[in-house]
Amino acid sequence: MSHEQSTLIKDDLLVLKTSAIQQTGTVTSTGVAIGPTGLVKAVIVVSVVAIGGTLDVHLEDHDDNAGGTDIPSAVFPQIIATGIYELYFRTVQKYVRYVGIVGTAAVTWEMFVTTVEK
């Protein structure tokens, strides 16, 4: 579905990362209490990609907000351009967090979870 025809609803309680620049390297967020869930959508909004910048993001879930296990269906393809990227997933755990890896040059991005469009 085109975003010209739909509205992304962002609930402050479901924000995994506020819009900010991430320099090169890996950042693992603190978990946000989202689950257990039915099908939901993770949304990444990339507003700036420095020349040569790349962003790799995957989601992890856990019940104690300490560890993390990869959610197999929640691995984004590598991002190299500005835009809106979406991925559907489910979790049976309470907490969800992201792991964001920026390579070569900085990327400004945000991430949140929203409901599936009907």
PDB file of N, CA and C in Angstrom:
ATOM      1  N   MET A   1       0.852  -1.173   0.000  1.00  0.00           N
ATOM      2  CA  MET A   1       0.000   0.000   0.000  1.00  0.00           C
ATOM      3  C   MET A   1       0.891   1.228   0.000  1.00  0.00           C
ATOM      4  N   SER A   2       0.589   2.169  -0.847  1.00  0.00           N
ATOM      5  CA  SER A   2       1.344   3.410  -0.924  1.00  0.00           C
ATOM      6  C   SER A   2       1.063   4.277   0.289  1.00  0.00           C
ATOM      7  N   HIS A   3       2.100   4.958   0.750  1.00  0.00           N
ATOM      8  CA  HIS A   3       1.900   5.841   1.892  1.00  0.00           C
ATOM      9  C   HIS A   3       1.163   7.118   1.502  1.00  0.00           C
ATOM     10  N   GLU A   4       1.017   7.346   0.208  1.00  0.00           N
ATOM     11  CA  GLU A   4       0.189   8.466  -0.223  1.00  0.00           C
ATOM     12  C   GLU A   4      -1.273   8.160   0.037  1.00  0.00           C
ATOM     13  N   GLN A   5      -1.611   6.874   0.195  1.00  0.00           N
ATOM     14  CA  GLN A   5      -2.991   6.466   0.399  1.00  0.00           C
ATOM     15  C   GLN A   5      -3.273   6.020   1.823  1.00  0.00           C
ATOM     16  N   SER A   6      -2.236   5.930   2.649  1.00  0.00           N
ATOM     17  CA  SER A   6      -2.447   5.456   4.008  1.00  0.00           C
ATOM     18  C   SER A   6      -1.780   6.392   5.006  1.00  0.00           C
ATOM     19  N   THR A   7      -2.149   6.224   6.260  1.00  0.00           N
ATOM     20  CA  THR A   7      -1.582   7.013   7.331  1.00  0.00           C
ATOM     21  C   THR A   7      -0.882   6.094   8.306  1.00  0.00           C
ATOM     22  N   LEU A   8       0.363   6.418   8.629  1.00  0.00           N
ATOM     23  CA  LEU A   8       1.072   5.653   9.642  1.00  0.00           C
ATOM     24  C   LEU A   8       0.710   6.234  10.997  1.00  0.00           C
ATOM     25  N   ILE A   9       0.223   5.404  11.879  1.00  0.00           N
ATOM     26  CA  ILE A   9      -0.167   5.857  13.205  1.00  0.00           C
ATOM     27  C   ILE A   9       0.958   5.519  14.161  1.00  0.00           C
ATOM     28  N   LYS A  10       1.523   6.563  14.793  1.00  0.00           N
ATOM     29  CA  LYS A  10       2.651   6.366  15.697  1.00  0.00           C
ATOM     30  C   LYS A  10       2.204   6.643  17.118  1.00  0.00           C
ATOM     31  N   ASP A  11       2.215   5.593  17.940  1.00  0.00           N
ATOM     32  CA  ASP A  11       1.886   5.679  19.360  1.00  0.00           C
ATOM     33  C   ASP A  11       3.198   5.864  20.121  1.00  0.00           C
ATOM     34  N   ASP A  12       3.300   6.887  20.953  1.00  0.00           N
ATOM     35  CA  ASP A  12       4.532   7.156  21.694  1.00  0.00           C
ATOM     36  C   ASP A  12       4.999   5.966  22.527  1.00  0.00           C
ATOM     37  N   LEU A  13       4.076   5.107  22.949  1.00  0.00           N
ATOM     38  CA  LEU A  13       4.443   3.949  23.756  1.00  0.00           C
ATOM     39  C   LEU A  13       5.065   2.833  22.915  1.00  0.00           C
ATOM     40  N   LEU A  14       4.965   2.939  21.601  1.00  0.00           N
ATOM     41  CA  LEU A  14       5.480   1.901  20.713  1.00  0.00           C
ATOM     42  C   LEU A  14       6.678   2.372  19.897  1.00  0.00           C
ATOM     43  N   VAL A  15       7.304   3.467  20.314  1.00  0.00           N
ATOM     44  CA  VAL A  15       8.485   3.981  19.622  1.00  0.00           C
ATOM     45  C   VAL A  15       9.712   3.217  20.108  1.00  0.00           C
ATOM     46  N   LEU A  16      10.415   2.597  19.186  1.00  0.00           N
ATOM     47  CA  LEU A  16      11.643   1.889  19.521  1.00  0.00           C
ATOM     48  C   LEU A  16      12.855   2.815  19.432  1.00  0.00           C
ATOM     49  N   LYS A  17      12.799   3.808  18.517  1.00  0.00           N
ATOM     50  CA  LYS A  17      13.895   4.767  18.362  1.00  0.00           C
ATOM     51  C   LYS A  17      13.330   6.076  17.858  1.00  0.00           C
ATOM     52  N   THR A  18      13.608   7.165  18.581  1.00  0.00           N
ATOM     53  CA  THR A  18      13.198   8.481  18.096  1.00  0.00           C
ATOM     54  C   THR A  18      14.149   8.909  16.984  1.00  0.00           C
ATOM     55  N   SER A  19      13.705   9.813  16.156  1.00  0.00           N
ATOM     56  CA  SER A  19      14.519  10.247  15.023  1.00  0.00           C
ATOM     57  C   SER A  19      15.797  10.913  15.519  1.00  0.00           C
ATOM     58  N   ALA A  20      16.920  10.343  15.140  1.00  0.00           N
ATOM     59  CA  ALA A  20      18.224  10.873  15.537  1.00  0.00           C
ATOM     60  C   ALA A  20      19.282  10.272  14.634  1.00  0.00           C
ATOM     61  N   ILE A  21      20.397  10.966  14.573  1.00  0.00           N
ATOM     62  CA  ILE A  21      21.520  10.473  13.788  1.00  0.00           C
ATOM     63  C   ILE A  21      22.200   9.329  14.532  1.00  0.00           C
ATOM     64  N   GLN A  22      22.614   8.315  13.782  1.00  0.00           N
ATOM     65  CA  GLN A  22      23.435   7.243  14.342  1.00  0.00           C
ATOM     66  C   GLN A  22      24.720   7.212  13.536  1.00  0.00           C
ATOM     67  N   GLN A  23      25.824   7.370  14.224  1.00  0.00           N
ATOM     68  CA  GLN A  23      27.131   7.273  13.581  1.00  0.00           C
ATOM     69  C   GLN A  23      27.421   5.802  13.303  1.00  0.00           C
ATOM     70  N   THR A  24      28.533   5.506  12.676  1.00  0.00           N
ATOM     71  CA  THR A  24      28.871   4.126  12.365  1.00  0.00           C
ATOM     72  C   THR A  24      28.993   3.298  13.642  1.00  0.00           C
ATOM     73  N   GLY A  25      28.664   2.022  13.534  1.00  0.00           N
ATOM     74  CA  GLY A  25      28.728   1.115  14.671  1.00  0.00           C
ATOM     75  C   GLY A  25      27.382   0.489  14.963  1.00  0.00           C
ATOM     76  N   THR A  26      27.332  -0.253  16.060  1.00  0.00           N
ATOM     77  CA  THR A  26      26.138  -0.997  16.449  1.00  0.00           C
ATOM     78  C   THR A  26      25.505  -0.399  17.691  1.00  0.00           C
ATOM     79  N   VAL A  27      24.180  -0.240  17.657  1.00  0.00           N
ATOM     80  CA  VAL A  27      23.417   0.215  18.817  1.00  0.00           C
ATOM     81  C   VAL A  27      22.315  -0.805  19.084  1.00  0.00           C
ATOM     82  N   THR A  28      22.226  -1.257  20.327  1.00  0.00           N
ATOM     83  CA  THR A  28      21.145  -2.149  20.749  1.00  0.00           C
ATOM     84  C   THR A  28      20.285  -1.368  21.730  1.00  0.00           C
ATOM     85  N   SER A  29      18.997  -1.261  21.417  1.00  0.00           N
ATOM     86  CA  SER A  29      18.111  -0.456  22.249  1.00  0.00           C
ATOM     87  C   SER A  29      17.668  -1.206  23.490  1.00  0.00           C
ATOM     88  N   THR A  30      17.054  -0.479  24.392  1.00  0.00           N
ATOM     89  CA  THR A  30      16.347  -1.062  25.526  1.00  0.00           C
ATOM     90  C   THR A  30      15.024  -1.593  25.002  1.00  0.00           C
ATOM     91  N   GLY A  31      14.531  -2.678  25.587  1.00  0.00           N
ATOM     92  CA  GLY A  31      13.269  -3.245  25.145  1.00  0.00           C
ATOM     93  C   GLY A  31      12.075  -2.365  25.483  1.00  0.00           C
ATOM     94  N   VAL A  32      11.076  -2.427  24.621  1.00  0.00           N
ATOM     95  CA  VAL A  32       9.805  -1.736  24.830  1.00  0.00           C
ATOM     96  C   VAL A  32       8.735  -2.818  24.991  1.00  0.00           C
ATOM     97  N   ALA A  33       7.884  -2.674  26.010  1.00  0.00           N
ATOM     98  CA  ALA A  33       6.833  -3.665  26.270  1.00  0.00           C
ATOM     99  C   ALA A  33       5.768  -3.574  25.185  1.00  0.00           C
ATOM    100  N   ILE A  34       5.829  -4.507  24.247  1.00  0.00           N
ATOM    101  CA  ILE A  34       4.913  -4.527  23.111  1.00  0.00           C
ATOM    102  C   ILE A  34       4.092  -5.810  23.089  1.00  0.00           C
ATOM    103  N   GLY A  35       4.675  -6.910  23.494  1.00  0.00           N
ATOM    104  CA  GLY A  35       4.064  -8.209  23.296  1.00  0.00           C
ATOM    105  C   GLY A  35       3.404  -8.782  24.534  1.00  0.00           C
ATOM    106  N   PRO A  36       2.889  -9.959  24.353  1.00  0.00           N
ATOM    107  CA  PRO A  36       2.768 -10.701  23.105  1.00  0.00           C
ATOM    108  C   PRO A  36       1.805 -10.003  22.142  1.00  0.00           C
ATOM    109  N   THR A  37       2.028 -10.230  20.837  1.00  0.00           N
ATOM    110  CA  THR A  37       1.229  -9.550  19.824  1.00  0.00           C
ATOM    111  C   THR A  37       0.667 -10.526  18.813  1.00  0.00           C
ATOM    112  N   GLY A  38      -0.333 -10.062  18.116  1.00  0.00           N
ATOM    113  CA  GLY A  38      -0.711 -10.665  16.856  1.00  0.00           C
ATOM    114  C   GLY A  38       0.200 -10.034  15.818  1.00  0.00           C
ATOM    115  N   LEU A  39      -0.214 -10.010  14.585  1.00  0.00           N
ATOM    116  CA  LEU A  39       0.599  -9.416  13.533  1.00  0.00           C
ATOM    117  C   LEU A  39       0.635  -7.899  13.692  1.00  0.00           C
ATOM    118  N   VAL A  40       1.846  -7.337  13.783  1.00  0.00           N
ATOM    119  CA  VAL A  40       2.043  -5.897  13.851  1.00  0.00           C
ATOM    120  C   VAL A  40       3.085  -5.509  12.817  1.00  0.00           C
ATOM    121  N   LYS A  41       3.288  -4.211  12.641  1.00  0.00           N
ATOM    122  CA  LYS A  41       4.209  -3.719  11.624  1.00  0.00           C
ATOM    123  C   LYS A  41       5.285  -2.861  12.262  1.00  0.00           C
ATOM    124  N   ALA A  42       6.547  -3.184  11.987  1.00  0.00           N
ATOM    125  CA  ALA A  42       7.662  -2.327  12.375  1.00  0.00           C
ATOM    126  C   ALA A  42       7.913  -1.370  11.219  1.00  0.00           C
ATOM    127  N   VAL A  43       8.094  -0.098  11.543  1.00  0.00           N
ATOM    128  CA  VAL A  43       8.299   0.932  10.528  1.00  0.00           C
ATOM    129  C   VAL A  43       9.595   1.670  10.827  1.00  0.00           C
ATOM    130  N   ILE A  44      10.446   1.789   9.825  1.00  0.00           N
ATOM    131  CA  ILE A  44      11.656   2.603   9.911  1.00  0.00           C
ATOM    132  C   ILE A  44      11.487   3.765   8.957  1.00  0.00           C
ATOM    133  N   VAL A  45      11.711   4.976   9.460  1.00  0.00           N
ATOM    134  CA  VAL A  45      11.690   6.171   8.623  1.00  0.00           C
ATOM    135  C   VAL A  45      13.113   6.709   8.585  1.00  0.00           C
ATOM    136  N   VAL A  46      13.712   6.684   7.407  1.00  0.00           N
ATOM    137  CA  VAL A  46      15.082   7.155   7.220  1.00  0.00           C
ATOM    138  C   VAL A  46      15.015   8.516   6.538  1.00  0.00           C
ATOM    139  N   SER A  47      15.531   9.550   7.231  1.00  0.00           N
ATOM    140  CA  SER A  47      15.447  10.903   6.675  1.00  0.00           C
ATOM    141  C   SER A  47      16.758  11.366   6.045  1.00  0.00           C
ATOM    142  N   VAL A  48      17.899  10.813   6.471  1.00  0.00           N
ATOM    143  CA  VAL A  48      19.191  11.200   5.906  1.00  0.00           C
ATOM    144  C   VAL A  48      20.104   9.980   5.865  1.00  0.00           C
ATOM    145  N   VAL A  49      20.750   9.782   4.728  1.00  0.00           N
ATOM    146  CA  VAL A  49      21.800   8.774   4.603  1.00  0.00           C
ATOM    147  C   VAL A  49      23.018   9.490   4.020  1.00  0.00           C
ATOM    148  N   ALA A  50      24.084   9.570   4.795  1.00  0.00           N
ATOM    149  CA  ALA A  50      25.304  10.188   4.288  1.00  0.00           C
ATOM    150  C   ALA A  50      25.847   9.340   3.138  1.00  0.00           C
ATOM    151  N   ILE A  51      26.635   9.925   2.287  1.00  0.00           N
ATOM    152  CA  ILE A  51      27.171   9.222   1.118  1.00  0.00           C
ATOM    153  C   ILE A  51      27.874   7.936   1.559  1.00  0.00           C
ATOM    154  N   GLY A  52      27.423   6.832   1.005  1.00  0.00           N
ATOM    155  CA  GLY A  52      28.009   5.529   1.328  1.00  0.00           C
ATOM    156  C   GLY A  52      27.454   4.890   2.582  1.00  0.00           C
ATOM    157  N   GLY A  53      26.517   5.546   3.248  1.00  0.00           N
ATOM    158  CA  GLY A  53      25.962   5.005   4.491  1.00  0.00           C
ATOM    159  C   GLY A  53      25.078   3.791   4.250  1.00  0.00           C
ATOM    160  N   THR A  54      25.093   2.868   5.213  1.00  0.00           N
ATOM    161  CA  THR A  54      24.215   1.698   5.178  1.00  0.00           C
ATOM    162  C   THR A  54      23.619   1.500   6.561  1.00  0.00           C
ATOM    163  N   LEU A  55      22.430   0.927   6.610  1.00  0.00           N
ATOM    164  CA  LEU A  55      21.763   0.638   7.873  1.00  0.00           C
ATOM    165  C   LEU A  55      21.218  -0.780   7.821  1.00  0.00           C
ATOM    166  N   ASP A  56      21.625  -1.601   8.781  1.00  0.00           N
ATOM    167  CA  ASP A  56      21.098  -2.955   8.935  1.00  0.00           C
ATOM    168  C   ASP A  56      20.369  -2.997  10.275  1.00  0.00           C
ATOM    169  N   VAL A  57      19.121  -3.441  10.260  1.00  0.00           N
ATOM    170  CA  VAL A  57      18.301  -3.470  11.477  1.00  0.00           C
ATOM    171  C   VAL A  57      17.606  -4.814  11.596  1.00  0.00           C
ATOM    172  N   HIS A  58      17.617  -5.359  12.802  1.00  0.00           N
ATOM    173  CA  HIS A  58      16.782  -6.517  13.097  1.00  0.00           C
ATOM    174  C   HIS A  58      16.203  -6.353  14.498  1.00  0.00           C
ATOM    175  N   LEU A  59      15.121  -7.072  14.745  1.00  0.00           N
ATOM    176  CA  LEU A  59      14.436  -7.007  16.031  1.00  0.00           C
ATOM    177  C   LEU A  59      14.718  -8.248  16.857  1.00  0.00           C
ATOM    178  N   GLU A  60      14.753  -8.054  18.164  1.00  0.00           N
ATOM    179  CA  GLU A  60      14.897  -9.140  19.125  1.00  0.00           C
ATOM    180  C   GLU A  60      13.745  -9.051  20.115  1.00  0.00           C
ATOM    181  N   ASP A  61      13.370 -10.194  20.706  1.00  0.00           N
ATOM    182  CA  ASP A  61      12.356 -10.178  21.752  1.00  0.00           C
ATOM    183  C   ASP A  61      12.864 -10.941  22.969  1.00  0.00           C
ATOM    184  N   HIS A  62      12.243 -10.659  24.117  1.00  0.00           N
ATOM    185  CA  HIS A  62      12.643 -11.285  25.374  1.00  0.00           C
ATOM    186  C   HIS A  62      11.596 -10.984  26.435  1.00  0.00           C
ATOM    187  N   ASP A  63      11.601 -11.755  27.509  1.00  0.00           N
ATOM    188  CA  ASP A  63      10.607 -11.580  28.572  1.00  0.00           C
ATOM    189  C   ASP A  63      11.122 -10.801  29.773  1.00  0.00           C
ATOM    190  N   ASP A  64      12.432 -10.643  29.891  1.00  0.00           N
ATOM    191  CA  ASP A  64      12.965 -10.010  31.098  1.00  0.00           C
ATOM    192  C   ASP A  64      13.640  -8.659  30.861  1.00  0.00           C
ATOM    193  N   ASN A  65      13.575  -8.136  29.643  1.00  0.00           N
ATOM    194  CA  ASN A  65      14.181  -6.858  29.278  1.00  0.00           C
ATOM    195  C   ASN A  65      15.681  -6.854  29.551  1.00  0.00           C
ATOM    196  N   ALA A  66      16.303  -8.029  29.468  1.00  0.00           N
ATOM    197  CA  ALA A  66      17.746  -8.123  29.698  1.00  0.00           C
ATOM    198  C   ALA A  66      18.440  -8.791  28.517  1.00  0.00           C
ATOM    199  N   GLY A  67      17.930  -9.937  28.101  1.00  0.00           N
ATOM    200  CA  GLY A  67      18.547 -10.667  26.997  1.00  0.00           C
ATOM    201  C   GLY A  67      17.870 -10.318  25.696  1.00  0.00           C
ATOM    202  N   GLY A  68      18.042 -11.164  24.723  1.00  0.00           N
ATOM    203  CA  GLY A  68      17.376 -10.939  23.449  1.00  0.00           C
ATOM    204  C   GLY A  68      17.574 -12.115  22.514  1.00  0.00           C
ATOM    205  N   THR A  69      16.514 -12.484  21.816  1.00  0.00           N
ATOM    206  CA  THR A  69      16.552 -13.539  20.816  1.00  0.00           C
ATOM    207  C   THR A  69      16.041 -12.949  19.514  1.00  0.00           C
ATOM    208  N   ASP A  70      16.755 -13.195  18.417  1.00  0.00           N
ATOM    209  CA  ASP A  70      16.311 -12.681  17.126  1.00  0.00           C
ATOM    210  C   ASP A  70      14.899 -13.148  16.801  1.00  0.00           C
ATOM    211  N   ILE A  71      14.101 -12.250  16.254  1.00  0.00           N
ATOM    212  CA  ILE A  71      12.798 -12.603  15.710  1.00  0.00           C
ATOM    213  C   ILE A  71      13.059 -12.908  14.232  1.00  0.00           C
ATOM    214  N   PRO A  72      12.962 -14.187  13.819  1.00  0.00           N
ATOM    215  CA  PRO A  72      13.367 -14.561  12.461  1.00  0.00           C
ATOM    216  C   PRO A  72      12.691 -13.760  11.352  1.00  0.00           C
ATOM    217  N   SER A  73      11.438 -13.393  11.533  1.00  0.00           N
ATOM    218  CA  SER A  73      10.717 -12.668  10.484  1.00  0.00           C
ATOM    219  C   SER A  73      10.947 -11.165  10.546  1.00  0.00           C
ATOM    220  N   ALA A  74      11.789 -10.700  11.463  1.00  0.00           N
ATOM    221  CA  ALA A  74      11.942  -9.261  11.673  1.00  0.00           C
ATOM    222  C   ALA A  74      13.375  -8.796  11.392  1.00  0.00           C
ATOM    223  N   VAL A  75      13.835  -9.103  10.190  1.00  0.00           N
ATOM    224  CA  VAL A  75      15.147  -8.650   9.742  1.00  0.00           C
ATOM    225  C   VAL A  75      14.923  -7.824   8.480  1.00  0.00           C
ATOM    226  N   PHE A  76      15.239  -6.538   8.545  1.00  0.00           N
ATOM    227  CA  PHE A  76      15.071  -5.661   7.398  1.00  0.00           C
ATOM    228  C   PHE A  76      16.183  -5.894   6.381  1.00  0.00           C
ATOM    229  N   PRO A  77      15.882  -5.767   5.092  1.00  0.00           N
ATOM    230  CA  PRO A  77      16.958  -5.754   4.103  1.00  0.00           C
ATOM    231  C   PRO A  77      17.848  -4.527   4.365  1.00  0.00           C
ATOM    232  N   GLN A  78      19.088  -4.575   3.919  1.00  0.00           N
ATOM    233  CA  GLN A  78      19.981  -3.440   4.142  1.00  0.00           C
ATOM    234  C   GLN A  78      19.392  -2.182   3.513  1.00  0.00           C
ATOM    235  N   ILE A  79      19.432  -1.090   4.272  1.00  0.00           N
ATOM    236  CA  ILE A  79      18.879   0.191   3.836  1.00  0.00           C
ATOM    237  C   ILE A  79      20.026   1.096   3.404  1.00  0.00           C
ATOM    238  N   ILE A  80      19.907   1.678   2.196  1.00  0.00           N
ATOM    239  CA  ILE A  80      20.955   2.553   1.668  1.00  0.00           C
ATOM    240  C   ILE A  80      20.399   3.895   1.172  1.00  0.00           C
ATOM    241  N   ALA A  81      19.101   4.128   1.374  1.00  0.00           N
ATOM    242  CA  ALA A  81      18.478   5.362   0.867  1.00  0.00           C
ATOM    243  C   ALA A  81      17.401   5.840   1.838  1.00  0.00           C
ATOM    244  N   THR A  82      17.050   7.115   1.732  1.00  0.00           N
ATOM    245  CA  THR A  82      15.965   7.648   2.550  1.00  0.00           C
ATOM    246  C   THR A  82      14.653   6.988   2.131  1.00  0.00           C
ATOM    247  N   GLY A  83      13.682   6.983   3.048  1.00  0.00           N
ATOM    248  CA  GLY A  83      12.387   6.416   2.733  1.00  0.00           C
ATOM    249  C   GLY A  83      11.744   5.780   3.945  1.00  0.00           C
ATOM    250  N   ILE A  84      10.628   5.112   3.693  1.00  0.00           N
ATOM    251  CA  ILE A  84       9.876   4.418   4.737  1.00  0.00           C
ATOM    252  C   ILE A  84       9.959   2.931   4.442  1.00  0.00           C
ATOM    253  N   TYR A  85      10.380   2.170   5.455  1.00  0.00           N
ATOM    254  CA  TYR A  85      10.569   0.732   5.317  1.00  0.00           C
ATOM    255  C   TYR A  85       9.690   0.027   6.338  1.00  0.00           C
ATOM    256  N   GLU A  86       8.975  -1.023   5.912  1.00  0.00           N
ATOM    257  CA  GLU A  86       8.024  -1.714   6.774  1.00  0.00           C
ATOM    258  C   GLU A  86       8.297  -3.204   6.791  1.00  0.00           C
ATOM    259  N   LEU A  87       7.984  -3.808   7.930  1.00  0.00           N
ATOM    260  CA  LEU A  87       8.177  -5.247   8.089  1.00  0.00           C
ATOM    261  C   LEU A  87       7.139  -5.753   9.081  1.00  0.00           C
ATOM    262  N   TYR A  88       6.469  -6.845   8.749  1.00  0.00           N
ATOM    263  CA  TYR A  88       5.456  -7.413   9.626  1.00  0.00           C
ATOM    264  C   TYR A  88       6.067  -8.499  10.501  1.00  0.00           C
ATOM    265  N   PHE A  89       5.626  -8.560  11.761  1.00  0.00           N
ATOM    266  CA  PHE A  89       6.140  -9.589  12.663  1.00  0.00           C
ATOM    267  C   PHE A  89       5.150  -9.863  13.788  1.00  0.00           C
ATOM    268  N   ARG A  90       5.402 -10.949  14.499  1.00  0.00           N
ATOM    269  CA  ARG A  90       4.666 -11.324  15.714  1.00  0.00           C
ATOM    270  C   ARG A  90       5.699 -11.623  16.789  1.00  0.00           C
ATOM    271  N   THR A  91       5.297 -11.493  18.039  1.00  0.00           N
ATOM    272  CA  THR A  91       6.156 -11.922  19.140  1.00  0.00           C
ATOM    273  C   THR A  91       5.307 -12.523  20.244  1.00  0.00           C
ATOM    274  N   VAL A  92       5.847 -13.523  20.901  1.00  0.00           N
ATOM    275  CA  VAL A  92       5.177 -14.115  22.050  1.00  0.00           C
ATOM    276  C   VAL A  92       5.830 -13.630  23.341  1.00  0.00           C
ATOM    277  N   GLN A  93       6.892 -12.872  23.222  1.00  0.00           N
ATOM    278  CA  GLN A  93       7.606 -12.320  24.373  1.00  0.00           C
ATOM    279  C   GLN A  93       7.053 -10.935  24.711  1.00  0.00           C
ATOM    280  N   LYS A  94       7.385 -10.417  25.889  1.00  0.00           N
ATOM    281  CA  LYS A  94       6.873  -9.123  26.341  1.00  0.00           C
ATOM    282  C   LYS A  94       7.604  -7.939  25.703  1.00  0.00           C
ATOM    283  N   TYR A  95       8.944  -8.030  25.611  1.00  0.00           N
ATOM    284  CA  TYR A  95       9.741  -6.885  25.175  1.00  0.00           C
ATOM    285  C   TYR A  95      10.296  -7.075  23.771  1.00  0.00           C
ATOM    286  N   VAL A  96      10.359  -5.974  23.035  1.00  0.00           N
ATOM    287  CA  VAL A  96      10.957  -5.957  21.701  1.00  0.00           C
ATOM    288  C   VAL A  96      11.989  -4.840  21.674  1.00  0.00           C
ATOM    289  N   ARG A  97      13.144  -5.125  21.073  1.00  0.00           N
ATOM    290  CA  ARG A  97      14.177  -4.097  20.917  1.00  0.00           C
ATOM    291  C   ARG A  97      14.798  -4.242  19.533  1.00  0.00           C
ATOM    292  N   TYR A  98      15.486  -3.186  19.106  1.00  0.00           N
ATOM    293  CA  TYR A  98      16.163  -3.239  17.812  1.00  0.00           C
ATOM    294  C   TYR A  98      17.670  -3.321  18.009  1.00  0.00           C
ATOM    295  N   VAL A  99      18.319  -3.856  17.004  1.00  0.00           N
ATOM    296  CA  VAL A  99      19.767  -3.767  16.868  1.00  0.00           C
ATOM    297  C   VAL A  99      19.994  -3.058  15.537  1.00  0.00           C
ATOM    298  N   GLY A 100      20.627  -1.884  15.592  1.00  0.00           N
ATOM    299  CA  GLY A 100      20.890  -1.099  14.390  1.00  0.00           C
ATOM    300  C   GLY A 100      22.383  -1.007  14.140  1.00  0.00           C
ATOM    301  N   ILE A 101      22.790  -1.361  12.938  1.00  0.00           N
ATOM    302  CA  ILE A 101      24.203  -1.335  12.576  1.00  0.00           C
ATOM    303  C   ILE A 101      24.374  -0.376  11.404  1.00  0.00           C
ATOM    304  N   VAL A 102      25.133   0.690  11.643  1.00  0.00           N
ATOM    305  CA  VAL A 102      25.410   1.668  10.595  1.00  0.00           C
ATOM    306  C   VAL A 102      26.846   1.467  10.137  1.00  0.00           C
ATOM    307  N   GLY A 103      27.005   1.313   8.827  1.00  0.00           N
ATOM    308  CA  GLY A 103      28.331   1.113   8.266  1.00  0.00           C
ATOM    309  C   GLY A 103      28.754   2.281   7.403  1.00  0.00           C
ATOM    310  N   THR A 104      29.994   2.631   7.436  1.00  0.00           N
ATOM    311  CA  THR A 104      30.683   3.598   6.575  1.00  0.00           C
ATOM    312  C   THR A 104      30.355   5.059   6.867  1.00  0.00           C
ATOM    313  N   ALA A 105      29.078   5.431   6.916  1.00  0.00           N
ATOM    314  CA  ALA A 105      28.705   6.833   7.120  1.00  0.00           C
ATOM    315  C   ALA A 105      27.375   6.919   7.870  1.00  0.00           C
ATOM    316  N   ALA A 106      27.142   8.036   8.534  1.00  0.00           N
ATOM    317  CA  ALA A 106      25.992   8.224   9.428  1.00  0.00           C
ATOM    318  C   ALA A 106      24.642   8.132   8.713  1.00  0.00           C
ATOM    319  N   VAL A 107      23.630   7.719   9.493  1.00  0.00           N
ATOM    320  CA  VAL A 107      22.250   7.621   9.022  1.00  0.00           C
ATOM    321  C   VAL A 107      21.341   8.217  10.096  1.00  0.00           C
ATOM    322  N   THR A 108      20.366   9.019   9.680  1.00  0.00           N
ATOM    323  CA  THR A 108      19.359   9.552  10.595  1.00  0.00           C
ATOM    324  C   THR A 108      18.081   8.762  10.372  1.00  0.00           C
ATOM    325  N   TRP A 109      17.605   8.143  11.471  1.00  0.00           N
ATOM    326  CA  TRP A 109      16.438   7.279  11.323  1.00  0.00           C
ATOM    327  C   TRP A 109      15.651   7.176  12.619  1.00  0.00           C
ATOM    328  N   GLU A 110      14.411   6.697  12.478  1.00  0.00           N
ATOM    329  CA  GLU A 110      13.559   6.411  13.624  1.00  0.00           C
ATOM    330  C   GLU A 110      12.842   5.099  13.368  1.00  0.00           C
ATOM    331  N   MET A 111      12.311   4.513  14.451  1.00  0.00           N
ATOM    332  CA  MET A 111      11.626   3.236  14.305  1.00  0.00           C
ATOM    333  C   MET A 111      10.491   3.138  15.318  1.00  0.00           C
ATOM    334  N   PHE A 112       9.354   2.622  14.850  1.00  0.00           N
ATOM    335  CA  PHE A 112       8.223   2.404  15.745  1.00  0.00           C
ATOM    336  C   PHE A 112       7.420   1.207  15.256  1.00  0.00           C
ATOM    337  N   VAL A 113       6.515   0.754  16.102  1.00  0.00           N
ATOM    338  CA  VAL A 113       5.626  -0.355  15.784  1.00  0.00           C
ATOM    339  C   VAL A 113       4.214   0.194  15.687  1.00  0.00           C
ATOM    340  N   THR A 114       3.466  -0.281  14.724  1.00  0.00           N
ATOM    341  CA  THR A 114       2.086   0.153  14.539  1.00  0.00           C
ATOM    342  C   THR A 114       1.233  -1.050  14.146  1.00  0.00           C
ATOM    343  N   THR A 115      -0.052  -0.850  14.062  1.00  0.00           N
ATOM    344  CA  THR A 115      -0.947  -1.938  13.696  1.00  0.00           C
ATOM    345  C   THR A 115      -0.934  -2.159  12.194  1.00  0.00           C
ATOM    346  N   VAL A 116      -1.414  -3.297  11.793  1.00  0.00           N
ATOM    347  CA  VAL A 116      -1.489  -3.654  10.381  1.00  0.00           C
ATOM    348  C   VAL A 116      -2.678  -2.948   9.756  1.00  0.00           C
ATOM    349  N   GLU A 117      -2.479  -2.407   8.538  1.00  0.00           N
ATOM    350  CA  GLU A 117      -3.590  -1.757   7.829  1.00  0.00           C
ATOM    351  C   GLU A 117      -4.615  -2.792   7.426  1.00  0.00           C
ATOM    352  N   LYS A 118      -5.879  -2.427   7.478  1.00  0.00           N
ATOM    353  CA  LYS A 118      -6.944  -3.364   7.108  1.00  0.00           C
ATOM    354  C   LYS A 118      -7.622  -2.922   5.851  1.00  0.00           C
TER     355      LYS A 118
END
